[in-house]
All heavy atoms as atom14 arrays in JSON, in Angstrom:
{
  "sequence": "QPLSRTHKLVLICFLLNFVALIYGVLEFKWYITEI",
  "atom14_mask": [
    [1, 1, 1, 1, 1, 1, 1, 1, 1, 0, 0, 0, 0, 0],
    [1, 1, 1, 1, 1, 1, 1, 0, 0, 0, 0, 0, 0, 0],
    [1, 1, 1, 1, 1, 1, 1, 1, 0, 0, 0, 0, 0, 0],
    [1, 1, 1, 1, 1, 1, 0, 0, 0, 0, 0, 0, 0, 0],
    [1, 1, 1, 1, 1, 1, 1, 1, 1, 1, 1, 0, 0, 0],
    [1, 1, 1, 1, 1, 1, 1, 0, 0, 0, 0, 0, 0, 0],
    [1, 1, 1, 1, 1, 1, 1, 1, 1, 1, 0, 0, 0, 0],
    [1, 1, 1, 1, 1, 1, 1, 1, 1, 0, 0, 0, 0, 0],
    [1, 1, 1, 1, 1, 1, 1, 1, 0, 0, 0, 0, 0, 0],
    [1, 1, 1, 1, 1, 1, 1, 0, 0, 0, 0, 0, 0, 0],
    [1, 1, 1, 1, 1, 1, 1, 1, 0, 0, 0, 0, 0, 0],
    [1, 1, 1, 1, 1, 1, 1, 1, 0, 0, 0, 0, 0, 0],
    [1, 1, 1, 1, 1, 1, 0, 0, 0, 0, 0, 0, 0, 0],
    [1, 1, 1, 1, 1, 1, 1, 1, 1, 1, 1, 0, 0, 0],
    [1, 1, 1, 1, 1, 1, 1, 1, 0, 0, 0, 0, 0, 0],
    [1, 1, 1, 1, 1, 1, 1, 1, 0, 0, 0, 0, 0, 0],
    [1, 1, 1, 1, 1, 1, 1, 1, 0, 0, 0, 0, 0, 0],
    [1, 1, 1, 1, 1, 1, 1, 1, 1, 1, 1, 0, 0, 0],
    [1, 1, 1, 1, 1, 1, 1, 0, 0, 0, 0, 0, 0, 0],
    [1, 1, 1, 1, 1, 0, 0, 0, 0, 0, 0, 0, 0, 0],
    [1, 1, 1, 1, 1, 1, 1, 1, 0, 0, 0, 0, 0, 0],
    [1, 1, 1, 1, 1, 1, 1, 1, 0, 0, 0, 0, 0, 0],
    [1, 1, 1, 1, 1, 1, 1, 1, 1, 1, 1, 1, 0, 0],
    [1, 1, 1, 1, 0, 0, 0, 0, 0, 0, 0, 0, 0, 0],
    [1, 1, 1, 1, 1, 1, 1, 0, 0, 0, 0, 0, 0, 0],
    [1, 1, 1, 1, 1, 1, 1, 1, 0, 0, 0, 0, 0, 0],
    [1, 1, 1, 1, 1, 1, 1, 1, 1, 0, 0, 0, 0, 0],
    [1, 1, 1, 1, 1, 1, 1, 1, 1, 1, 1, 0, 0, 0],
    [1, 1, 1, 1, 1, 1, 1, 1, 1, 0, 0, 0, 0, 0],
    [1, 1, 1, 1, 1, 1, 1, 1, 1, 1, 1, 1, 1, 1],
    [1, 1, 1, 1, 1, 1, 1, 1, 1, 1, 1, 1, 0, 0],
    [1, 1, 1, 1, 1, 1, 1, 1, 0, 0, 0, 0, 0, 0],
    [1, 1, 1, 1, 1, 1, 1, 0, 0, 0, 0, 0, 0, 0],
    [1, 1, 1, 1, 1, 1, 1, 1, 1, 0, 0, 0, 0, 0],
    [1, 1, 1, 1, 1, 1, 1, 1, 0, 0, 0, 0, 0, 0]
  ],
  "atom14_positions": [
    [[0.85, -1.17, 0.0], [0.0, 0.0, 0.0], [0.89, 1.23, 0.0], [1.86, 1.3, 0.76], [-0.89, -0.01, 1.25], [-1.88, 1.13, 1.3], [-2.73, 1.06, 2.55], [-2.53, 0.19, 3.38], [-3.66, 1.98, 2.7], [0.0, 0.0, 0.0], [0.0, 0.0, 0.0], [0.0, 0.0, 0.0], [0.0, 0.0, 0.0], [0.0, 0.0, 0.0]],
    [[0.63, 2.22, -0.87], [1.5, 3.4, -0.92], [1.44, 4.21, 0.38], [0.47, 4.14, 1.13], [0.94, 4.2, -2.1], [-0.48, 3.73, -2.24], [-0.48, 2.29, -1.84], [0.0, 0.0, 0.0], [0.0, 0.0, 0.0], [0.0, 0.0, 0.0], [0.0, 0.0, 0.0], [0.0, 0.0, 0.0], [0.0, 0.0, 0.0], [0.0, 0.0, 0.0]],
    [[2.49, 4.97, 0.6], [2.56, 5.81, 1.79], [1.66, 7.02, 1.58], [1.98, 7.94, 0.82], [4.01, 6.25, 2.03], [4.3, 6.97, 3.34], [4.05, 6.06, 4.54], [5.74, 7.47, 3.37], [0.0, 0.0, 0.0], [0.0, 0.0, 0.0], [0.0, 0.0, 0.0], [0.0, 0.0, 0.0], [0.0, 0.0, 0.0], [0.0, 0.0, 0.0]],
    [[0.51, 7.02, 2.24], [-0.48, 8.06, 2.02], [-0.26, 9.26, 2.94], [0.58, 9.25, 3.83], [-1.88, 7.49, 2.28], [-2.02, 7.15, 3.66], [0.0, 0.0, 0.0], [0.0, 0.0, 0.0], [0.0, 0.0, 0.0], [0.0, 0.0, 0.0], [0.0, 0.0, 0.0], [0.0, 0.0, 0.0], [0.0, 0.0, 0.0], [0.0, 0.0, 0.0]],
    [[-1.05, 10.29, 2.72], [-0.98, 11.49, 3.57], [-1.35, 11.13, 5.0], [-0.73, 11.64, 5.95], [-1.94, 12.55, 3.02], [-1.95, 13.85, 3.82], [-2.81, 14.89, 3.12], [-2.91, 16.12, 3.91], [-3.83, 16.33, 4.86], [-4.72, 15.37, 5.13], [-3.86, 17.47, 5.53], [0.0, 0.0, 0.0], [0.0, 0.0, 0.0], [0.0, 0.0, 0.0]],
    [[-2.33, 10.26, 5.16], [-2.73, 9.83, 6.5], [-1.59, 9.11, 7.21], [-1.32, 9.34, 8.39], [-3.96, 8.89, 6.43], [-5.06, 9.6, 5.87], [-4.34, 8.4, 7.82], [0.0, 0.0, 0.0], [0.0, 0.0, 0.0], [0.0, 0.0, 0.0], [0.0, 0.0, 0.0], [0.0, 0.0, 0.0], [0.0, 0.0, 0.0], [0.0, 0.0, 0.0]],
    [[-0.91, 8.23, 6.48], [0.25, 7.54, 7.05], [1.31, 8.52, 7.51], [1.89, 8.37, 8.59], [0.85, 6.58, 6.01], [-0.02, 5.41, 5.7], [-0.02, 4.79, 4.47], [-0.92, 4.74, 6.46], [-0.87, 3.78, 4.48], [-1.44, 3.73, 5.67], [0.0, 0.0, 0.0], [0.0, 0.0, 0.0], [0.0, 0.0, 0.0], [0.0, 0.0, 0.0]],
    [[1.56, 9.53, 6.7], [2.57, 10.53, 7.04], [2.18, 11.29, 8.31], [3.03, 11.57, 9.17], [2.78, 11.5, 5.88], [3.42, 10.85, 4.66], [3.52, 11.82, 3.49], [4.1, 11.16, 2.26], [4.15, 12.07, 1.09], [0.0, 0.0, 0.0], [0.0, 0.0, 0.0], [0.0, 0.0, 0.0], [0.0, 0.0, 0.0], [0.0, 0.0, 0.0]],
    [[0.9, 11.64, 8.42], [0.44, 12.34, 9.62], [0.58, 11.46, 10.86], [0.96, 11.95, 11.94], [-1.02, 12.77, 9.44], [-1.29, 13.92, 8.46], [-2.79, 14.14, 8.29], [-0.62, 15.2, 8.96], [0.0, 0.0, 0.0], [0.0, 0.0, 0.0], [0.0, 0.0, 0.0], [0.0, 0.0, 0.0], [0.0, 0.0, 0.0], [0.0, 0.0, 0.0]],
    [[0.27, 10.18, 10.72], [0.42, 9.25, 11.84], [1.87, 9.17, 12.28], [2.18, 9.21, 13.48], [-0.11, 7.84, 11.45], [0.31, 6.81, 12.49], [-1.62, 7.86, 11.31], [0.0, 0.0, 0.0], [0.0, 0.0, 0.0], [0.0, 0.0, 0.0], [0.0, 0.0, 0.0], [0.0, 0.0, 0.0], [0.0, 0.0, 0.0], [0.0, 0.0, 0.0]],
    [[2.78, 9.06, 11.32], [4.21, 8.97, 11.65], [4.72, 10.27, 12.27], [5.56, 10.23, 13.18], [5.01, 8.64, 10.38], [4.78, 7.24, 9.8], [5.49, 7.1, 8.46], [5.24, 6.17, 10.78], [0.0, 0.0, 0.0], [0.0, 0.0, 0.0], [0.0, 0.0, 0.0], [0.0, 0.0, 0.0], [0.0, 0.0, 0.0], [0.0, 0.0, 0.0]],
    [[4.22, 11.4, 11.82], [4.61, 12.69, 12.42], [4.16, 12.75, 13.88], [4.92, 13.17, 14.76], [4.02, 13.86, 11.61], [4.72, 13.97, 10.26], [4.13, 15.16, 12.39], [4.08, 14.96, 9.31], [0.0, 0.0, 0.0], [0.0, 0.0, 0.0], [0.0, 0.0, 0.0], [0.0, 0.0, 0.0], [0.0, 0.0, 0.0], [0.0, 0.0, 0.0]],
    [[2.93, 12.3, 14.14], [2.42, 12.27, 15.52], [3.25, 11.33, 16.38], [3.52, 11.63, 17.56], [0.95, 11.84, 15.54], [-0.18, 13.09, 14.92], [0.0, 0.0, 0.0], [0.0, 0.0, 0.0], [0.0, 0.0, 0.0], [0.0, 0.0, 0.0], [0.0, 0.0, 0.0], [0.0, 0.0, 0.0], [0.0, 0.0, 0.0], [0.0, 0.0, 0.0]],
    [[3.67, 10.23, 15.79], [4.5, 9.28, 16.52], [5.83, 9.92, 16.92], [6.3, 9.76, 18.05], [4.73, 8.04, 15.64], [5.47, 6.94, 16.33], [4.94, 6.3, 17.43], [6.72, 6.54, 15.87], [5.62, 5.27, 18.06], [7.41, 5.51, 16.49], [6.86, 4.88, 17.59], [0.0, 0.0, 0.0], [0.0, 0.0, 0.0], [0.0, 0.0, 0.0]],
    [[6.43, 10.65, 16.0], [7.69, 11.34, 16.31], [7.47, 12.45, 17.34], [8.29, 12.64, 18.25], [8.29, 11.92, 15.03], [8.81, 10.9, 14.01], [9.28, 11.61, 12.74], [9.94, 10.08, 14.61], [0.0, 0.0, 0.0], [0.0, 0.0, 0.0], [0.0, 0.0, 0.0], [0.0, 0.0, 0.0], [0.0, 0.0, 0.0], [0.0, 0.0, 0.0]],
    [[6.38, 13.2, 17.2], [6.08, 14.27, 18.17], [5.85, 13.71, 19.56], [6.16, 14.36, 20.57], [4.84, 15.06, 17.71], [5.03, 15.95, 16.48], [3.71, 16.6, 16.09], [6.08, 17.02, 16.75], [0.0, 0.0, 0.0], [0.0, 0.0, 0.0], [0.0, 0.0, 0.0], [0.0, 0.0, 0.0], [0.0, 0.0, 0.0], [0.0, 0.0, 0.0]],
    [[5.32, 12.47, 19.61], [5.12, 11.82, 20.89], [6.46, 11.66, 21.63], [6.54, 11.87, 22.85], [4.48, 10.45, 20.68], [4.31, 9.67, 21.95], [3.43, 9.96, 22.76], [5.15, 8.65, 22.16], [0.0, 0.0, 0.0], [0.0, 0.0, 0.0], [0.0, 0.0, 0.0], [0.0, 0.0, 0.0], [0.0, 0.0, 0.0], [0.0, 0.0, 0.0]],
    [[7.52, 11.33, 20.9], [8.81, 11.16, 21.54], [9.44, 12.5, 21.91], [10.19, 12.59, 22.89], [9.74, 10.35, 20.64], [9.52, 8.88, 20.78], [8.66, 8.2, 19.94], [10.14, 8.17, 21.79], [8.43, 6.85, 20.09], [9.91, 6.82, 21.95], [9.06, 6.15, 21.11], [0.0, 0.0, 0.0], [0.0, 0.0, 0.0], [0.0, 0.0, 0.0]],
    [[9.13, 13.53, 21.15], [9.59, 14.87, 21.54], [8.94, 15.26, 22.87], [9.6, 15.75, 23.79], [9.24, 15.9, 20.44], [9.57, 17.31, 20.93], [10.01, 15.59, 19.16], [0.0, 0.0, 0.0], [0.0, 0.0, 0.0], [0.0, 0.0, 0.0], [0.0, 0.0, 0.0], [0.0, 0.0, 0.0], [0.0, 0.0, 0.0], [0.0, 0.0, 0.0]],
    [[7.62, 15.02, 22.97], [6.91, 15.3, 24.22], [7.42, 14.44, 25.36], [7.55, 14.9, 26.51], [5.4, 15.07, 24.02], [0.0, 0.0, 0.0], [0.0, 0.0, 0.0], [0.0, 0.0, 0.0], [0.0, 0.0, 0.0], [0.0, 0.0, 0.0], [0.0, 0.0, 0.0], [0.0, 0.0, 0.0], [0.0, 0.0, 0.0], [0.0, 0.0, 0.0]],
    [[7.76, 13.19, 25.05], [8.28, 12.28, 26.07], [9.61, 12.78, 26.62], [9.82, 12.82, 27.85], [8.45, 10.89, 25.46], [9.13, 9.82, 26.32], [8.37, 9.61, 27.62], [9.24, 8.51, 25.57], [0.0, 0.0, 0.0], [0.0, 0.0, 0.0], [0.0, 0.0, 0.0], [0.0, 0.0, 0.0], [0.0, 0.0, 0.0], [0.0, 0.0, 0.0]],
    [[10.51, 13.18, 25.73], [11.81, 13.69, 26.17], [11.63, 14.95, 27.01], [12.26, 15.09, 28.08], [12.7, 13.98, 24.95], [13.04, 12.68, 24.21], [13.98, 14.7, 25.36], [13.73, 12.9, 22.88], [0.0, 0.0, 0.0], [0.0, 0.0, 0.0], [0.0, 0.0, 0.0], [0.0, 0.0, 0.0], [0.0, 0.0, 0.0], [0.0, 0.0, 0.0]],
    [[10.77, 15.84, 26.56], [10.54, 17.09, 27.29], [9.95, 16.8, 28.68], [10.36, 17.38, 29.69], [9.6, 18.0, 26.5], [9.34, 19.34, 27.17], [10.3, 20.35, 27.12], [8.15, 19.57, 27.85], [10.07, 21.56, 27.73], [7.91, 20.78, 28.47], [8.87, 21.79, 28.41], [8.65, 22.98, 29.03], [0.0, 0.0, 0.0], [0.0, 0.0, 0.0]],
    [[8.97, 15.9, 28.72], [8.33, 15.59, 30.0], [9.27, 14.94, 30.98], [9.27, 15.25, 32.18], [0.0, 0.0, 0.0], [0.0, 0.0, 0.0], [0.0, 0.0, 0.0], [0.0, 0.0, 0.0], [0.0, 0.0, 0.0], [0.0, 0.0, 0.0], [0.0, 0.0, 0.0], [0.0, 0.0, 0.0], [0.0, 0.0, 0.0], [0.0, 0.0, 0.0]],
    [[10.12, 14.05, 30.47], [11.08, 13.36, 31.35], [12.11, 14.34, 31.9], [12.44, 14.32, 33.09], [11.77, 12.21, 30.58], [12.98, 11.7, 31.35], [10.78, 11.07, 30.34], [0.0, 0.0, 0.0], [0.0, 0.0, 0.0], [0.0, 0.0, 0.0], [0.0, 0.0, 0.0], [0.0, 0.0, 0.0], [0.0, 0.0, 0.0], [0.0, 0.0, 0.0]],
    [[12.62, 15.2, 31.02], [13.66, 16.14, 31.45], [13.12, 17.29, 32.28], [13.74, 17.71, 33.26], [14.4, 16.69, 30.21], [15.16, 15.66, 29.36], [15.81, 16.34, 28.16], [16.22, 14.96, 30.2], [0.0, 0.0, 0.0], [0.0, 0.0, 0.0], [0.0, 0.0, 0.0], [0.0, 0.0, 0.0], [0.0, 0.0, 0.0], [0.0, 0.0, 0.0]],
    [[11.97, 17.82, 31.88], [11.45, 19.02, 32.53], [10.58, 18.71, 33.74], [10.63, 19.41, 34.75], [10.63, 19.83, 31.51], [10.15, 21.19, 32.0], [11.28, 22.18, 32.2], [12.36, 21.99, 31.6], [11.09, 23.15, 32.96], [0.0, 0.0, 0.0], [0.0, 0.0, 0.0], [0.0, 0.0, 0.0], [0.0, 0.0, 0.0], [0.0, 0.0, 0.0]],
    [[9.75, 17.66, 33.64], [8.79, 17.38, 34.7], [9.05, 16.07, 35.44], [8.25, 15.65, 36.27], [7.37, 17.35, 34.12], [6.96, 18.61, 33.43], [6.75, 18.63, 32.06], [6.81, 19.79, 34.15], [6.39, 19.8, 31.41], [6.44, 20.97, 33.51], [6.23, 20.98, 32.13], [0.0, 0.0, 0.0], [0.0, 0.0, 0.0], [0.0, 0.0, 0.0]],
    [[10.19, 15.42, 35.12], [10.58, 14.17, 35.79], [9.49, 13.09, 35.66], [9.16, 12.39, 36.61], [10.9, 14.41, 37.27], [11.86, 15.54, 37.54], [13.21, 15.3, 36.88], [14.17, 16.44, 37.14], [15.44, 16.3, 36.38], [0.0, 0.0, 0.0], [0.0, 0.0, 0.0], [0.0, 0.0, 0.0], [0.0, 0.0, 0.0], [0.0, 0.0, 0.0]],
    [[8.92, 12.98, 34.47], [7.9, 11.97, 34.26], [8.45, 10.58, 34.52], [9.64, 10.3, 34.31], [7.41, 12.02, 32.81], [6.44, 13.13, 32.55], [5.97, 14.05, 33.45], [5.84, 13.45, 31.3], [5.1, 14.91, 32.84], [5.0, 14.57, 31.52], [5.92, 12.91, 30.03], [4.25, 15.15, 30.49], [5.18, 13.48, 29.0], [4.36, 14.59, 29.25]],
    [[7.55, 9.69, 34.96], [7.94, 8.31, 35.2], [6.93, 7.42, 34.47], [6.21, 7.86, 33.57], [8.01, 8.03, 36.71], [8.56, 6.68, 37.07], [9.77, 6.22, 36.53], [7.86, 5.81, 37.92], [10.27, 4.97, 36.85], [8.36, 4.57, 38.24], [9.57, 4.15, 37.7], [10.05, 2.91, 38.0], [0.0, 0.0, 0.0], [0.0, 0.0, 0.0]],
    [[6.85, 6.16, 34.87], [6.05, 5.17, 34.16], [4.6, 5.59, 33.97], [4.02, 5.44, 32.89], [6.14, 3.81, 34.88], [7.52, 3.17, 34.6], [5.03, 2.87, 34.43], [7.73, 1.86, 35.34], [0.0, 0.0, 0.0], [0.0, 0.0, 0.0], [0.0, 0.0, 0.0], [0.0, 0.0, 0.0], [0.0, 0.0, 0.0], [0.0, 0.0, 0.0]],
    [[3.98, 6.13, 35.01], [2.56, 6.51, 34.94], [2.32, 7.58, 33.88], [1.41, 7.47, 33.05], [2.07, 6.99, 36.31], [2.23, 5.95, 37.27], [0.6, 7.4, 36.25], [0.0, 0.0, 0.0], [0.0, 0.0, 0.0], [0.0, 0.0, 0.0], [0.0, 0.0, 0.0], [0.0, 0.0, 0.0], [0.0, 0.0, 0.0], [0.0, 0.0, 0.0]],
    [[3.15, 8.63, 33.91], [2.99, 9.72, 32.96], [3.31, 9.28, 31.53], [2.63, 9.68, 30.57], [3.88, 10.91, 33.35], [3.5, 11.59, 34.65], [3.99, 10.86, 35.9], [4.78, 9.89, 35.74], [3.58, 11.23, 36.99], [0.0, 0.0, 0.0], [0.0, 0.0, 0.0], [0.0, 0.0, 0.0], [0.0, 0.0, 0.0], [0.0, 0.0, 0.0]],
    [[4.34, 8.46, 31.37], [4.71, 7.97, 30.04], [3.59, 7.09, 29.47], [3.25, 7.17, 28.29], [6.04, 7.19, 30.1], [7.18, 8.13, 30.49], [6.34, 6.52, 28.76], [8.5, 7.43, 30.74], [0.0, 0.0, 0.0], [0.0, 0.0, 0.0], [0.0, 0.0, 0.0], [0.0, 0.0, 0.0], [0.0, 0.0, 0.0], [0.0, 0.0, 0.0]]
  ]
}
């Protein structure tokens, strides 16, 4: 199946999730519950 616009948006959200994860861990000391 070709890589559609929807697929690209899903992958972007997936990457943004890790940006938020790094920020939360470093800034707010997130742990298992928050992650």
